[in-house]
């Protein structure tokens, strides 16, 4: 039945086109959308990207214990710049104009600049360990692992001296 109706419609269109002396072309387009969901398992040995991989550079403003398991660490962020970036910023700070690739190098191959006035606050779990540089000069500094409590004591001692 459907075949007969379709044939009649095609014949009618063909005859209508012939009667007017014009050729009529009918194009039928059909679109098929296919959705495929793929689930990828992350290998158990690899680390997921996220906050645990973020590193901040700056001066510790304070560490305050909020309960036996957590402290709050407040950091004044700074940019640790190297290479062309450090050279261009250093020239700008000195009021010198230079093409980025021809700016003179900075002392010690790095430049530290404030990242803004906004201080950042982080939760510091009591079990956290970190690395600090010990000794008085930059050249002979040694990395030393400290706990969150030891870091808080170092920050408090520094604040008392200043």
N, C-alpha and C. Protein backbone atom coordinates (compact mmCIF):
# COMPACT_ATOMS: atom_id res chain seq x y z
N UNK A 1 0.82 -1.18 0.00
CA UNK A 1 0.00 0.00 0.00
C UNK A 1 0.87 1.26 0.00
N UNK A 2 1.88 1.29 0.89
CA UNK A 2 2.75 2.46 0.97
C UNK A 2 3.54 2.65 -0.32
N UNK A 3 3.95 1.54 -0.93
CA UNK A 3 4.72 1.62 -2.16
C UNK A 3 3.88 2.25 -3.26
N UNK A 4 2.61 1.89 -3.31
CA UNK A 4 1.71 2.43 -4.33
C UNK A 4 1.51 3.93 -4.12
N UNK A 5 1.35 4.37 -2.87
CA UNK A 5 1.15 5.80 -2.55
C UNK A 5 2.42 6.56 -2.91
N UNK A 6 3.59 6.03 -2.55
CA UNK A 6 4.85 6.69 -2.84
C UNK A 6 5.04 6.81 -4.35
N UNK A 7 4.68 5.75 -5.10
CA UNK A 7 4.82 5.78 -6.56
C UNK A 7 3.87 6.81 -7.15
N UNK A 8 2.67 6.93 -6.59
CA UNK A 8 1.70 7.90 -7.08
C UNK A 8 2.19 9.32 -6.84
N UNK A 9 2.79 9.59 -5.70
CA UNK A 9 3.32 10.92 -5.36
C UNK A 9 4.45 11.26 -6.30
N UNK A 10 5.36 10.33 -6.55
CA UNK A 10 6.49 10.57 -7.44
C UNK A 10 5.98 10.83 -8.86
N UNK A 11 5.00 10.04 -9.29
CA UNK A 11 4.44 10.21 -10.62
C UNK A 11 3.76 11.56 -10.75
N UNK A 12 3.02 11.97 -9.73
CA UNK A 12 2.33 13.27 -9.75
C UNK A 12 3.34 14.40 -9.84
N UNK A 13 4.42 14.33 -9.07
CA UNK A 13 5.45 15.37 -9.12
C UNK A 13 6.12 15.42 -10.48
N UNK A 14 6.36 14.26 -11.05
CA UNK A 14 7.01 14.20 -12.36
C UNK A 14 6.08 14.79 -13.43
N UNK A 15 4.81 14.43 -13.36
CA UNK A 15 3.86 14.95 -14.33
C UNK A 15 3.64 16.44 -14.17
N UNK A 16 3.61 16.92 -12.93
CA UNK A 16 3.42 18.35 -12.68
C UNK A 16 4.60 19.12 -13.24
N UNK A 17 5.77 18.58 -13.11
CA UNK A 17 6.96 19.24 -13.65
C UNK A 17 6.94 19.25 -15.15
N UNK A 18 6.45 18.17 -15.77
CA UNK A 18 6.42 18.10 -17.23
C UNK A 18 5.38 19.05 -17.80
N UNK A 19 4.25 19.16 -17.10
CA UNK A 19 3.18 20.01 -17.59
C UNK A 19 3.60 21.47 -17.61
N UNK A 20 4.48 21.93 -16.72
CA UNK A 20 4.87 23.33 -16.68
C UNK A 20 6.07 23.59 -17.57
N UNK A 21 6.63 22.57 -18.14
CA UNK A 21 7.80 22.75 -18.98
C UNK A 21 9.08 22.91 -18.19
N UNK A 22 9.03 22.64 -16.92
CA UNK A 22 10.20 22.77 -16.06
C UNK A 22 10.49 21.41 -15.43
N UNK A 23 11.74 21.24 -15.03
CA UNK A 23 12.11 20.00 -14.37
C UNK A 23 12.16 20.26 -12.87
N UNK A 24 11.53 19.44 -12.09
CA UNK A 24 11.54 19.57 -10.64
C UNK A 24 12.33 18.41 -10.06
N UNK A 25 13.27 18.74 -9.18
CA UNK A 25 14.05 17.71 -8.53
C UNK A 25 13.71 17.73 -7.05
N UNK A 26 13.44 16.60 -6.52
CA UNK A 26 13.14 16.49 -5.10
C UNK A 26 14.28 15.74 -4.43
N UNK A 27 14.84 16.35 -3.37
CA UNK A 27 15.93 15.72 -2.65
C UNK A 27 15.46 15.43 -1.23
N UNK A 28 15.68 14.24 -0.79
CA UNK A 28 15.32 13.86 0.57
C UNK A 28 16.61 13.63 1.33
N UNK A 29 16.77 14.35 2.44
CA UNK A 29 17.95 14.20 3.27
C UNK A 29 17.52 13.65 4.61
N UNK A 30 18.23 12.67 5.07
CA UNK A 30 17.93 12.15 6.39
C UNK A 30 19.19 12.21 7.24
N UNK A 31 19.04 12.67 8.47
CA UNK A 31 20.16 12.80 9.40
C UNK A 31 20.00 11.78 10.51
N UNK A 32 21.05 11.06 10.77
CA UNK A 32 21.04 10.07 11.83
C UNK A 32 22.08 10.50 12.87
N UNK A 33 21.67 10.66 14.10
CA UNK A 33 22.57 11.03 15.18
C UNK A 33 22.82 9.80 16.05
N UNK A 34 24.09 9.57 16.29
CA UNK A 34 24.47 8.43 17.11
C UNK A 34 25.30 8.93 18.29
N UNK A 35 24.93 8.53 19.48
CA UNK A 35 25.67 8.92 20.67
C UNK A 35 26.38 7.71 21.23
N UNK A 36 27.67 7.89 21.51
CA UNK A 36 28.46 6.79 22.05
C UNK A 36 29.10 7.27 23.34
N UNK A 37 28.88 6.59 24.42
CA UNK A 37 29.46 6.93 25.71
C UNK A 37 30.64 6.02 25.97
N UNK A 38 31.79 6.63 26.28
CA UNK A 38 32.99 5.87 26.56
C UNK A 38 33.41 6.15 27.99
N UNK A 39 33.59 5.15 28.78
CA UNK A 39 34.06 5.30 30.15
C UNK A 39 35.50 4.85 30.20
N UNK A 40 36.37 5.75 30.69
CA UNK A 40 37.80 5.44 30.77
C UNK A 40 38.17 5.30 32.24
N UNK A 41 38.72 4.19 32.59
CA UNK A 41 39.18 3.96 33.96
C UNK A 41 40.60 4.50 34.09
N UNK A 42 40.82 5.31 35.12
CA UNK A 42 42.17 5.83 35.36
C UNK A 42 42.97 4.75 36.08
N UNK A 43 44.19 4.49 35.62
CA UNK A 43 45.00 3.48 36.30
C UNK A 43 45.17 3.84 37.77
N UNK A 44 45.14 2.84 38.63
CA UNK A 44 45.19 3.08 40.06
C UNK A 44 46.50 3.69 40.52
N UNK A 45 47.57 3.52 39.79
CA UNK A 45 48.87 4.04 40.21
C UNK A 45 49.08 5.50 39.86
N UNK A 46 48.26 6.08 38.98
CA UNK A 46 48.49 7.46 38.58
C UNK A 46 47.69 8.41 39.46
N UNK A 47 48.21 9.63 39.60
CA UNK A 47 47.55 10.63 40.42
C UNK A 47 46.62 11.47 39.56
N UNK A 48 45.47 11.80 40.09
CA UNK A 48 44.55 12.68 39.38
C UNK A 48 45.06 14.10 39.49
N UNK A 49 44.84 14.87 38.45
CA UNK A 49 45.21 16.28 38.49
C UNK A 49 44.26 17.02 39.41
N UNK A 50 44.72 18.07 40.00
CA UNK A 50 43.84 18.85 40.87
C UNK A 50 44.64 19.67 41.85
N UNK A 51 43.96 20.07 42.91
CA UNK A 51 44.57 20.96 43.88
C UNK A 51 45.84 20.40 44.51
N UNK A 52 45.94 19.08 44.64
CA UNK A 52 47.13 18.50 45.26
C UNK A 52 48.38 18.76 44.44
N UNK A 53 48.22 19.11 43.15
CA UNK A 53 49.37 19.37 42.29
C UNK A 53 49.67 20.86 42.15
N UNK A 54 48.91 21.70 42.80
CA UNK A 54 49.10 23.14 42.70
C UNK A 54 50.17 23.59 43.68
N UNK A 55 51.08 24.42 43.19
CA UNK A 55 52.15 24.91 44.04
C UNK A 55 52.05 26.42 44.14
N UNK A 56 52.25 26.94 45.34
CA UNK A 56 52.21 28.37 45.58
C UNK A 56 53.56 28.81 46.10
N UNK A 57 53.92 30.02 45.77
CA UNK A 57 55.16 30.61 46.23
C UNK A 57 54.79 31.91 46.93
N UNK A 58 55.38 32.17 48.07
CA UNK A 58 55.09 33.42 48.77
C UNK A 58 55.61 33.39 50.20
N UNK A 59 55.19 34.39 50.95
CA UNK A 59 55.59 34.50 52.35
C UNK A 59 54.44 34.07 53.24
N UNK A 60 54.75 33.24 54.23
CA UNK A 60 53.73 32.82 55.18
C UNK A 60 53.46 33.99 56.11
N UNK A 61 52.19 34.41 56.18
CA UNK A 61 51.79 35.50 57.05
C UNK A 61 51.51 34.97 58.45
N UNK A 62 50.76 33.85 58.52
CA UNK A 62 50.43 33.28 59.82
C UNK A 62 50.00 31.83 59.67
N UNK A 63 50.10 31.12 60.79
CA UNK A 63 49.54 29.77 60.90
C UNK A 63 48.80 29.75 62.23
N UNK A 64 47.50 29.45 62.19
CA UNK A 64 46.66 29.46 63.38
C UNK A 64 45.99 28.12 63.54
N UNK A 65 46.09 27.52 64.72
CA UNK A 65 45.44 26.23 64.96
C UNK A 65 43.96 26.45 65.20
N UNK A 66 43.10 25.73 64.43
CA UNK A 66 41.66 25.85 64.60
C UNK A 66 41.08 24.67 65.37
N UNK A 67 41.74 23.55 65.34
CA UNK A 67 41.39 22.39 66.15
C UNK A 67 42.59 21.44 66.13
N UNK A 68 42.56 20.36 66.92
CA UNK A 68 43.75 19.49 66.99
C UNK A 68 44.16 18.87 65.65
N UNK A 69 43.26 18.83 64.69
CA UNK A 69 43.58 18.18 63.42
C UNK A 69 43.88 19.16 62.29
N UNK A 70 43.65 20.47 62.49
CA UNK A 70 43.81 21.42 61.40
C UNK A 70 44.35 22.76 61.88
N UNK A 71 45.12 23.37 60.98
CA UNK A 71 45.58 24.75 61.16
C UNK A 71 45.13 25.52 59.93
N UNK A 72 45.13 26.84 60.03
CA UNK A 72 44.90 27.68 58.86
C UNK A 72 46.20 28.38 58.54
N UNK A 73 46.63 28.26 57.31
CA UNK A 73 47.86 28.89 56.84
C UNK A 73 47.46 30.05 55.93
N UNK A 74 47.96 31.26 56.23
CA UNK A 74 47.69 32.43 55.41
C UNK A 74 48.99 32.77 54.69
N UNK A 75 48.90 32.90 53.37
CA UNK A 75 50.07 33.10 52.52
C UNK A 75 49.91 34.39 51.72
N UNK A 76 50.96 35.19 51.68
CA UNK A 76 51.01 36.36 50.80
C UNK A 76 51.71 35.87 49.52
N UNK A 77 50.93 35.66 48.44
CA UNK A 77 51.51 35.05 47.25
C UNK A 77 52.47 35.99 46.52
N UNK A 78 53.45 35.38 45.90
CA UNK A 78 54.42 36.11 45.08
C UNK A 78 54.68 35.29 43.82
N UNK A 79 55.09 35.99 42.78
CA UNK A 79 55.49 35.31 41.55
C UNK A 79 57.00 35.10 41.60
N UNK A 80 57.45 33.91 41.30
CA UNK A 80 58.87 33.59 41.19
C UNK A 80 59.15 33.53 39.70
N UNK A 81 59.70 34.62 39.17
CA UNK A 81 59.89 34.75 37.74
C UNK A 81 61.31 34.40 37.33
N UNK A 82 61.45 33.79 36.17
CA UNK A 82 62.77 33.45 35.62
C UNK A 82 62.76 33.79 34.13
N UNK A 83 63.93 33.79 33.53
CA UNK A 83 64.08 33.94 32.08
C UNK A 83 63.63 35.30 31.57
N UNK A 84 63.08 35.29 30.36
CA UNK A 84 62.66 36.51 29.69
C UNK A 84 61.62 37.26 30.52
N UNK A 85 60.70 36.54 31.15
CA UNK A 85 59.67 37.18 31.98
C UNK A 85 60.29 38.00 33.09
N UNK A 86 61.25 37.41 33.80
CA UNK A 86 61.93 38.14 34.88
C UNK A 86 62.69 39.34 34.33
N UNK A 87 63.36 39.18 33.21
CA UNK A 87 64.15 40.27 32.62
C UNK A 87 63.28 41.45 32.23
N UNK A 88 62.12 41.18 31.61
CA UNK A 88 61.22 42.26 31.18
C UNK A 88 60.64 42.98 32.39
N UNK A 89 60.18 42.25 33.41
CA UNK A 89 59.62 42.88 34.61
C UNK A 89 60.69 43.71 35.32
N UNK A 90 61.90 43.20 35.42
CA UNK A 90 62.99 43.93 36.06
C UNK A 90 63.26 45.25 35.33
N UNK A 91 63.29 45.21 34.00
CA UNK A 91 63.51 46.43 33.22
C UNK A 91 62.38 47.42 33.44
N UNK A 92 61.13 46.94 33.47
CA UNK A 92 60.00 47.82 33.72
C UNK A 92 60.08 48.47 35.10
N UNK A 93 60.48 47.68 36.10
CA UNK A 93 60.61 48.22 37.47
C UNK A 93 61.68 49.30 37.54
N UNK A 94 62.69 49.22 36.70
CA UNK A 94 63.78 50.20 36.69
C UNK A 94 63.50 51.34 35.71
N UNK A 95 62.35 51.31 35.02
CA UNK A 95 62.01 52.36 34.07
C UNK A 95 62.80 52.28 32.78
N UNK A 96 63.35 51.12 32.48
CA UNK A 96 64.14 50.91 31.27
C UNK A 96 63.27 50.26 30.21
N UNK A 97 63.39 50.74 28.97
CA UNK A 97 62.67 50.11 27.87
C UNK A 97 63.62 49.24 27.08
N UNK A 98 63.16 48.04 26.74
CA UNK A 98 63.97 47.14 25.93
C UNK A 98 63.05 46.16 25.24
N UNK A 99 63.52 45.61 24.13
CA UNK A 99 62.77 44.55 23.46
C UNK A 99 62.85 43.32 24.36
N UNK A 100 61.75 42.58 24.51
CA UNK A 100 61.74 41.46 25.46
C UNK A 100 62.93 40.52 25.38
N UNK A 101 63.38 40.19 24.19
CA UNK A 101 64.49 39.23 24.08
C UNK A 101 65.85 39.88 24.26
N UNK A 102 65.88 41.22 24.39
CA UNK A 102 67.18 41.88 24.57
C UNK A 102 67.31 42.57 25.93
N UNK A 103 66.35 42.39 26.83
CA UNK A 103 66.45 42.98 28.17
C UNK A 103 67.60 42.34 28.92
N UNK A 104 68.33 43.13 29.71
CA UNK A 104 69.44 42.55 30.48
C UNK A 104 68.92 41.54 31.51
N UNK A 105 69.76 40.55 31.82
CA UNK A 105 69.39 39.52 32.79
C UNK A 105 69.29 40.06 34.20
N UNK A 106 68.54 39.36 35.03
CA UNK A 106 68.37 39.76 36.43
C UNK A 106 69.42 39.06 37.30
N UNK A 107 69.75 39.66 38.43
CA UNK A 107 70.69 39.00 39.35
C UNK A 107 70.13 37.66 39.82
N UNK A 108 70.96 36.69 40.03
CA UNK A 108 70.59 35.36 40.51
C UNK A 108 69.62 34.63 39.59
N UNK A 109 69.44 35.10 38.35
CA UNK A 109 68.60 34.45 37.36
C UNK A 109 67.14 34.30 37.77
N UNK A 110 66.67 35.09 38.73
CA UNK A 110 65.25 35.06 39.10
C UNK A 110 64.84 36.40 39.70
N UNK A 111 63.53 36.63 39.73
CA UNK A 111 62.98 37.85 40.29
C UNK A 111 61.70 37.48 41.02
N UNK A 112 61.51 38.00 42.22
CA UNK A 112 60.31 37.74 42.99
C UNK A 112 59.51 39.03 43.05
N UNK A 113 58.25 38.96 42.62
CA UNK A 113 57.38 40.14 42.64
C UNK A 113 56.08 39.79 43.35
N UNK A 114 55.45 40.77 44.03
CA UNK A 114 54.16 40.50 44.68
C UNK A 114 53.11 40.08 43.65
N UNK A 115 52.28 39.14 44.03
CA UNK A 115 51.23 38.66 43.14
C UNK A 115 49.94 39.43 43.35
N UNK A 116 49.94 40.38 44.24
CA UNK A 116 48.74 41.16 44.53
C UNK A 116 48.56 41.34 46.01
N UNK A 117 47.54 42.08 46.38
CA UNK A 117 47.30 42.37 47.79
C UNK A 117 46.48 41.29 48.49
N UNK A 118 45.84 40.41 47.72
CA UNK A 118 44.97 39.39 48.29
C UNK A 118 45.79 38.27 48.93
N UNK A 119 45.57 38.04 50.22
CA UNK A 119 46.24 36.93 50.91
C UNK A 119 45.39 35.68 50.72
N UNK A 120 46.04 34.54 50.65
CA UNK A 120 45.35 33.26 50.43
C UNK A 120 45.36 32.45 51.72
N UNK A 121 44.22 31.84 52.05
CA UNK A 121 44.10 31.02 53.26
C UNK A 121 43.89 29.57 52.86
N UNK A 122 44.67 28.69 53.49
CA UNK A 122 44.62 27.25 53.20
C UNK A 122 44.41 26.48 54.49
N UNK A 123 43.71 25.35 54.39
CA UNK A 123 43.61 24.43 55.52
C UNK A 123 44.87 23.60 55.51
N UNK A 124 45.53 23.53 56.65
CA UNK A 124 46.78 22.80 56.78
C UNK A 124 46.55 21.65 57.76
N UNK A 125 46.32 20.43 57.25
CA UNK A 125 46.11 19.30 58.17
C UNK A 125 47.31 19.10 59.08
N UNK A 126 47.06 18.71 60.32
CA UNK A 126 48.13 18.55 61.31
C UNK A 126 49.18 17.53 60.87
N UNK A 127 48.79 16.56 60.07
CA UNK A 127 49.74 15.53 59.63
C UNK A 127 50.59 15.98 58.43
N UNK A 128 50.41 17.20 57.99
CA UNK A 128 51.14 17.70 56.84
C UNK A 128 52.63 17.81 57.14
N UNK A 129 53.44 17.45 56.17
CA UNK A 129 54.88 17.71 56.26
C UNK A 129 55.26 18.55 55.05
N UNK A 130 56.30 19.31 55.20
CA UNK A 130 56.77 20.16 54.11
C UNK A 130 58.26 20.31 54.18
N UNK A 131 58.79 21.07 53.26
CA UNK A 131 60.23 21.28 53.19
C UNK A 131 60.53 22.76 53.37
N UNK A 132 61.47 23.06 54.23
CA UNK A 132 61.96 24.43 54.41
C UNK A 132 63.45 24.43 54.14
N UNK A 133 63.96 25.60 53.77
CA UNK A 133 65.40 25.74 53.56
C UNK A 133 66.02 26.27 54.84
N UNK A 134 67.04 25.61 55.32
CA UNK A 134 67.68 26.00 56.56
C UNK A 134 69.08 26.54 56.29
N UNK A 135 69.63 27.26 57.18
CA UNK A 135 70.90 27.99 57.20
C UNK A 135 70.66 29.42 56.73
N UNK A 136 71.63 30.26 56.95
CA UNK A 136 71.46 31.69 56.73
C UNK A 136 71.61 32.19 55.32
N UNK A 137 72.34 31.53 54.45
CA UNK A 137 72.54 32.10 53.12
C UNK A 137 71.90 31.23 52.04
N UNK A 138 71.61 31.84 50.90
CA UNK A 138 70.92 31.13 49.81
C UNK A 138 71.78 30.06 49.18
N UNK A 139 73.06 30.27 49.10
CA UNK A 139 73.95 29.35 48.40
C UNK A 139 74.07 28.02 49.14
N UNK A 140 74.16 28.06 50.45
CA UNK A 140 74.39 26.84 51.24
C UNK A 140 73.13 26.32 51.92
N UNK A 141 71.96 26.74 51.47
CA UNK A 141 70.71 26.29 52.09
C UNK A 141 70.53 24.79 51.91
N UNK A 142 70.00 24.15 52.94
CA UNK A 142 69.74 22.72 52.91
C UNK A 142 68.24 22.49 53.12
N UNK A 143 67.62 21.61 52.33
CA UNK A 143 66.20 21.31 52.55
C UNK A 143 66.03 20.47 53.81
N UNK A 144 65.05 20.84 54.62
CA UNK A 144 64.76 20.11 55.85
C UNK A 144 63.27 19.84 55.91
N UNK A 145 62.87 18.61 56.19
CA UNK A 145 61.46 18.25 56.30
C UNK A 145 60.96 18.63 57.69
N UNK A 146 59.80 19.31 57.74
CA UNK A 146 59.20 19.72 59.01
C UNK A 146 57.73 19.34 59.02
N UNK A 147 57.18 19.23 60.22
CA UNK A 147 55.75 18.98 60.39
C UNK A 147 55.02 20.33 60.38
N UNK A 148 53.70 20.29 60.35
CA UNK A 148 52.90 21.51 60.40
C UNK A 148 53.16 22.27 61.71
N UNK A 149 53.29 21.55 62.82
CA UNK A 149 53.55 22.20 64.12
C UNK A 149 54.93 22.87 64.12
N UNK A 150 55.93 22.21 63.54
CA UNK A 150 57.27 22.81 63.47
C UNK A 150 57.27 24.05 62.58
N UNK A 151 56.53 23.99 61.49
CA UNK A 151 56.43 25.15 60.61
C UNK A 151 55.75 26.32 61.33
N UNK A 152 54.69 26.03 62.07
CA UNK A 152 54.01 27.08 62.84
C UNK A 152 54.96 27.71 63.85
N UNK A 153 55.80 26.89 64.51
CA UNK A 153 56.77 27.41 65.47
C UNK A 153 57.81 28.29 64.79
N UNK A 154 58.26 27.89 63.61
CA UNK A 154 59.22 28.71 62.86
C UNK A 154 58.63 30.06 62.47
N UNK A 155 57.38 30.04 62.01
CA UNK A 155 56.71 31.30 61.62
C UNK A 155 56.52 32.19 62.84
N UNK A 156 56.12 31.62 63.98
CA UNK A 156 55.92 32.41 65.20
C UNK A 156 57.24 33.00 65.67
N UNK A 157 58.32 32.24 65.60
CA UNK A 157 59.63 32.75 66.03
C UNK A 157 60.08 33.89 65.12
N UNK A 158 59.85 33.77 63.83
CA UNK A 158 60.22 34.83 62.90
C UNK A 158 59.42 36.10 63.18
N UNK A 159 58.15 35.95 63.51
CA UNK A 159 57.31 37.13 63.79
C UNK A 159 57.77 37.83 65.08
N UNK A 160 58.23 37.04 66.05
CA UNK A 160 58.71 37.65 67.30
C UNK A 160 59.99 38.45 67.07
N UNK A 161 60.85 37.98 66.14
CA UNK A 161 62.09 38.67 65.85
C UNK A 161 61.85 39.99 65.11
N UNK A 162 60.81 40.04 64.30
CA UNK A 162 60.55 41.24 63.47
C UNK A 162 59.77 42.26 64.18
